[in-house]
Amino acid sequence: MLGAQVFEISEARWFSPEGRAVTRIFRSEKAELLVVGWEPGQESSRHQHGDSESLVFVLEGEITVNPGTVDVRQARAGAVIATEPRSFHQLRNASDKRCLTLHFYAPAMAGAISAPLLDLSVQAYPREGKRQT
């Protein structure tokens, strides 16, 4: 990467009835950036991100955050959710409207993403990415 890159969130925005729709818009050894579209009722599994810290920005709608304790919370558009490395949690769109979130991981996550994925980081951004399932 030379200099700065500009990423249009609107070009990474999509939804899938098969599960949360993930778009990877940037990845390096040090960081990773994903946009996730959530239909009503969709949820992640209970998971953690290994050695990566994460910040999740709620761009549209609202998402329920369940850290596995009694402290279940709603995060609405404009909120940021922070998780520490190896911290288990689950996200769910419990509303009747779509939700869009932006996920930042440092360092980049290891392993595969278990959701429909559009990877725009593998080619010239933004129009040449390839959808993977």
C-alpha atoms as a PDB file:
ATOM      1  CA  MET A   1       0.000   0.000   0.000  1.00  0.00           C
ATOM      2  CA  LEU A   2       1.316   3.405  -0.941  1.00  0.00           C
ATOM      3  CA  GLY A   3       0.237   6.419   1.063  1.00  0.00           C
ATOM      4  CA  ALA A   4      -3.413   6.526   2.095  1.00  0.00           C
ATOM      5  CA  GLN A   5      -6.417   4.604   0.801  1.00  0.00           C
ATOM      6  CA  VAL A   6     -10.047   5.687   0.865  1.00  0.00           C
ATOM      7  CA  PHE A   7     -12.741   3.045   1.375  1.00  0.00           C
ATOM      8  CA  GLU A   8     -16.404   3.699   0.627  1.00  0.00           C
ATOM      9  CA  ILE A   9     -18.535   1.912   3.224  1.00  0.00           C
ATOM     10  CA  SER A  10     -21.540   2.141   0.865  1.00  0.00           C
ATOM     11  CA  GLU A  11     -19.728  -0.112  -1.634  1.00  0.00           C
ATOM     12  CA  ALA A  12     -19.112  -2.721   1.075  1.00  0.00           C
ATOM     13  CA  ARG A  13     -22.719  -2.711   2.315  1.00  0.00           C
ATOM     14  CA  TRP A  14     -24.726  -5.888   1.586  1.00  0.00           C
ATOM     15  CA  PHE A  15     -27.022  -8.331   3.340  1.00  0.00           C
ATOM     16  CA  SER A  16     -27.668 -12.055   2.933  1.00  0.00           C
ATOM     17  CA  PRO A  17     -30.567 -14.239   4.055  1.00  0.00           C
ATOM     18  CA  GLU A  18     -27.970 -17.028   4.549  1.00  0.00           C
ATOM     19  CA  GLY A  19     -26.266 -15.275   7.466  1.00  0.00           C
ATOM     20  CA  ARG A  20     -24.496 -12.075   8.368  1.00  0.00           C
ATOM     21  CA  ALA A  21     -22.839 -10.637   5.265  1.00  0.00           C
ATOM     22  CA  VAL A  22     -19.160  -9.829   5.735  1.00  0.00           C
ATOM     23  CA  THR A  23     -17.027  -7.585   3.516  1.00  0.00           C
ATOM     24  CA  ARG A  24     -13.300  -7.405   4.158  1.00  0.00           C
ATOM     25  CA  ILE A  25     -12.132  -4.015   2.920  1.00  0.00           C
ATOM     26  CA  PHE A  26      -8.615  -3.995   4.331  1.00  0.00           C
ATOM     27  CA  ARG A  27      -6.125  -6.513   5.692  1.00  0.00           C
ATOM     28  CA  SER A  28      -2.460  -6.332   6.630  1.00  0.00           C
ATOM     29  CA  GLU A  29      -0.389  -8.169   9.211  1.00  0.00           C
ATOM     30  CA  LYS A  30      -1.121  -5.437  11.733  1.00  0.00           C
ATOM     31  CA  ALA A  31      -4.846  -4.761  11.191  1.00  0.00           C
ATOM     32  CA  GLU A  32      -8.045  -5.838   9.486  1.00  0.00           C
ATOM     33  CA  LEU A  33     -11.250  -3.946   8.665  1.00  0.00           C
ATOM     34  CA  LEU A  34     -14.628  -5.586   7.956  1.00  0.00           C
ATOM     35  CA  VAL A  35     -18.137  -4.325   7.262  1.00  0.00           C
ATOM     36  CA  VAL A  36     -20.926  -6.661   8.422  1.00  0.00           C
ATOM     37  CA  GLY A  37     -24.566  -6.518   7.328  1.00  0.00           C
ATOM     38  CA  TRP A  38     -27.058  -8.135   9.719  1.00  0.00           C
ATOM     39  CA  GLU A  39     -30.639  -9.008   8.770  1.00  0.00           C
ATOM     40  CA  PRO A  40     -33.153  -9.061  11.653  1.00  0.00           C
ATOM     41  CA  GLY A  41     -32.597 -12.132  13.833  1.00  0.00           C
ATOM     42  CA  GLN A  42     -29.096 -12.925  12.543  1.00  0.00           C
ATOM     43  CA  GLU A  43     -26.373 -13.591  15.090  1.00  0.00           C
ATOM     44  CA  SER A  44     -22.776 -14.626  15.408  1.00  0.00           C
ATOM     45  CA  SER A  45     -21.738 -17.730  17.260  1.00  0.00           C
ATOM     46  CA  ARG A  46     -20.225 -17.255  20.709  1.00  0.00           C
ATOM     47  CA  HIS A  47     -16.628 -16.563  19.745  1.00  0.00           C
ATOM     48  CA  GLN A  48     -13.377 -14.749  20.471  1.00  0.00           C
ATOM     49  CA  HIS A  49     -10.695 -13.276  18.228  1.00  0.00           C
ATOM     50  CA  GLY A  50      -7.555 -14.923  19.573  1.00  0.00           C
ATOM     51  CA  ASP A  51      -4.764 -12.395  20.046  1.00  0.00           C
ATOM     52  CA  SER A  52      -6.683  -9.595  18.308  1.00  0.00           C
ATOM     53  CA  GLU A  53      -8.325  -6.679  20.053  1.00  0.00           C
ATOM     54  CA  SER A  54     -11.483  -5.486  18.328  1.00  0.00           C
ATOM     55  CA  LEU A  55     -13.552  -2.362  17.980  1.00  0.00           C
ATOM     56  CA  VAL A  56     -17.030  -2.637  16.473  1.00  0.00           C
ATOM     57  CA  PHE A  57     -18.702   0.585  15.328  1.00  0.00           C
ATOM     58  CA  VAL A  58     -22.478   0.423  14.887  1.00  0.00           C
ATOM     59  CA  LEU A  59     -23.196   2.369  11.696  1.00  0.00           C
ATOM     60  CA  GLU A  60     -26.912   1.611  11.229  1.00  0.00           C
ATOM     61  CA  GLY A  61     -29.553   0.019  13.423  1.00  0.00           C
ATOM     62  CA  GLU A  62     -28.706  -1.707  16.685  1.00  0.00           C
ATOM     63  CA  ILE A  63     -26.960  -4.868  17.825  1.00  0.00           C
ATOM     64  CA  THR A  64     -27.193  -6.859  21.063  1.00  0.00           C
ATOM     65  CA  VAL A  65     -23.859  -7.613  22.726  1.00  0.00           C
ATOM     66  CA  ASN A  66     -23.709 -10.682  24.945  1.00  0.00           C
ATOM     67  CA  PRO A  67     -20.366 -11.154  26.722  1.00  0.00           C
ATOM     68  CA  GLY A  68     -21.637 -14.352  28.362  1.00  0.00           C
ATOM     69  CA  THR A  69     -22.525 -12.665  31.626  1.00  0.00           C
ATOM     70  CA  VAL A  70     -25.673 -10.941  32.865  1.00  0.00           C
ATOM     71  CA  ASP A  71     -24.373  -7.728  31.263  1.00  0.00           C
ATOM     72  CA  VAL A  72     -26.229  -8.055  27.905  1.00  0.00           C
ATOM     73  CA  ARG A  73     -26.408  -4.630  26.242  1.00  0.00           C
ATOM     74  CA  GLN A  74     -27.891  -2.897  23.207  1.00  0.00           C
ATOM     75  CA  ALA A  75     -25.512  -0.877  21.042  1.00  0.00           C
ATOM     76  CA  ARG A  76     -27.218   1.609  18.724  1.00  0.00           C
ATOM     77  CA  ALA A  77     -25.932   3.548  15.711  1.00  0.00           C
ATOM     78  CA  GLY A  78     -23.016   5.680  16.887  1.00  0.00           C
ATOM     79  CA  ALA A  79     -21.917   3.239  19.614  1.00  0.00           C
ATOM     80  CA  VAL A  80     -18.553   1.450  19.778  1.00  0.00           C
ATOM     81  CA  ILE A  81     -18.062  -2.024  21.239  1.00  0.00           C
ATOM     82  CA  ALA A  82     -14.526  -2.925  22.420  1.00  0.00           C
ATOM     83  CA  THR A  83     -13.359  -6.474  23.142  1.00  0.00           C
ATOM     84  CA  GLU A  84     -10.041  -7.584  24.534  1.00  0.00           C
ATOM     85  CA  PRO A  85      -8.015 -10.482  23.101  1.00  0.00           C
ATOM     86  CA  ARG A  86      -9.496 -13.928  23.870  1.00  0.00           C
ATOM     87  CA  SER A  87     -12.686 -12.351  25.265  1.00  0.00           C
ATOM     88  CA  PHE A  88     -15.730 -14.478  24.373  1.00  0.00           C
ATOM     89  CA  HIS A  89     -18.843 -12.667  23.168  1.00  0.00           C
ATOM     90  CA  GLN A  90     -21.815 -12.943  20.810  1.00  0.00           C
ATOM     91  CA  LEU A  91     -23.527 -10.321  18.636  1.00  0.00           C
ATOM     92  CA  ARG A  92     -27.175 -10.492  17.537  1.00  0.00           C
ATOM     93  CA  ASN A  93     -29.523  -8.271  15.590  1.00  0.00           C
ATOM     94  CA  ALA A  94     -32.557  -8.653  17.852  1.00  0.00           C
ATOM     95  CA  SER A  95     -34.412  -5.788  16.158  1.00  0.00           C
ATOM     96  CA  ASP A  96     -36.835  -5.868  13.234  1.00  0.00           C
ATOM     97  CA  LYS A  97     -34.533  -3.674  11.096  1.00  0.00           C
ATOM     98  CA  ARG A  98     -31.222  -4.257   9.347  1.00  0.00           C
ATOM     99  CA  CYS A  99     -27.986  -3.433  11.157  1.00  0.00           C
ATOM    100  CA  LEU A 100     -24.601  -2.461   9.693  1.00  0.00           C
ATOM    101  CA  THR A 101     -21.368  -2.653  11.713  1.00  0.00           C
ATOM    102  CA  LEU A 102     -17.720  -1.804  11.028  1.00  0.00           C
ATOM    103  CA  HIS A 103     -15.171  -4.144  12.692  1.00  0.00           C
ATOM    104  CA  PHE A 104     -11.516  -3.237  13.297  1.00  0.00           C
ATOM    105  CA  TYR A 105      -9.067  -5.919  14.494  1.00  0.00           C
ATOM    106  CA  ALA A 106      -5.447  -5.474  15.567  1.00  0.00           C
ATOM    107  CA  PRO A 107      -3.526  -7.510  14.768  1.00  0.00           C
ATOM    108  CA  ALA A 108      -5.451  -9.019  11.848  1.00  0.00           C
ATOM    109  CA  MET A 109      -7.430 -12.115  12.808  1.00  0.00           C
ATOM    110  CA  ALA A 110      -6.030 -15.558  12.111  1.00  0.00           C
ATOM    111  CA  GLY A 111      -8.278 -18.150  10.509  1.00  0.00           C
ATOM    112  CA  ALA A 112     -11.334 -18.155   8.291  1.00  0.00           C
ATOM    113  CA  ILE A 113     -14.531 -16.139   8.558  1.00  0.00           C
ATOM    114  CA  SER A 114     -17.598 -18.351   9.038  1.00  0.00           C
ATOM    115  CA  ALA A 115     -20.115 -16.228   7.113  1.00  0.00           C
ATOM    116  CA  PRO A 116     -20.792 -15.209   3.508  1.00  0.00           C
ATOM    117  CA  LEU A 117     -17.720 -13.125   2.597  1.00  0.00           C
ATOM    118  CA  LEU A 118     -16.998 -10.496  -0.045  1.00  0.00           C
ATOM    119  CA  ASP A 119     -13.241  -9.905   0.059  1.00  0.00           C
ATOM    120  CA  LEU A 120     -12.300  -6.557  -1.445  1.00  0.00           C
ATOM    121  CA  SER A 121      -8.827  -6.626   0.095  1.00  0.00           C
ATOM    122  CA  VAL A 122      -7.437  -9.195  -2.375  1.00  0.00           C
ATOM    123  CA  GLN A 123      -7.722  -7.021  -5.478  1.00  0.00           C
ATOM    124  CA  ALA A 124      -7.773  -3.347  -6.335  1.00  0.00           C
ATOM    125  CA  TYR A 125     -10.440  -1.747  -4.170  1.00  0.00           C
ATOM    126  CA  PRO A 126     -13.371  -1.444  -4.570  1.00  0.00           C
ATOM    127  CA  ARG A 127     -14.894  -3.032  -7.671  1.00  0.00           C
ATOM    128  CA  GLU A 128     -12.683  -6.031  -8.361  1.00  0.00           C
ATOM    129  CA  GLY A 129     -13.258  -8.058  -5.195  1.00  0.00           C
ATOM    130  CA  LYS A 130     -14.551 -11.615  -5.319  1.00  0.00           C
ATOM    131  CA  ARG A 131     -17.457 -12.990  -3.332  1.00  0.00           C
ATOM    132  CA  GLN A 132     -16.612 -16.158  -1.453  1.00  0.00           C
ATOM    133  CA  THR A 133     -18.994 -18.471   0.376  1.00  0.00           C
END
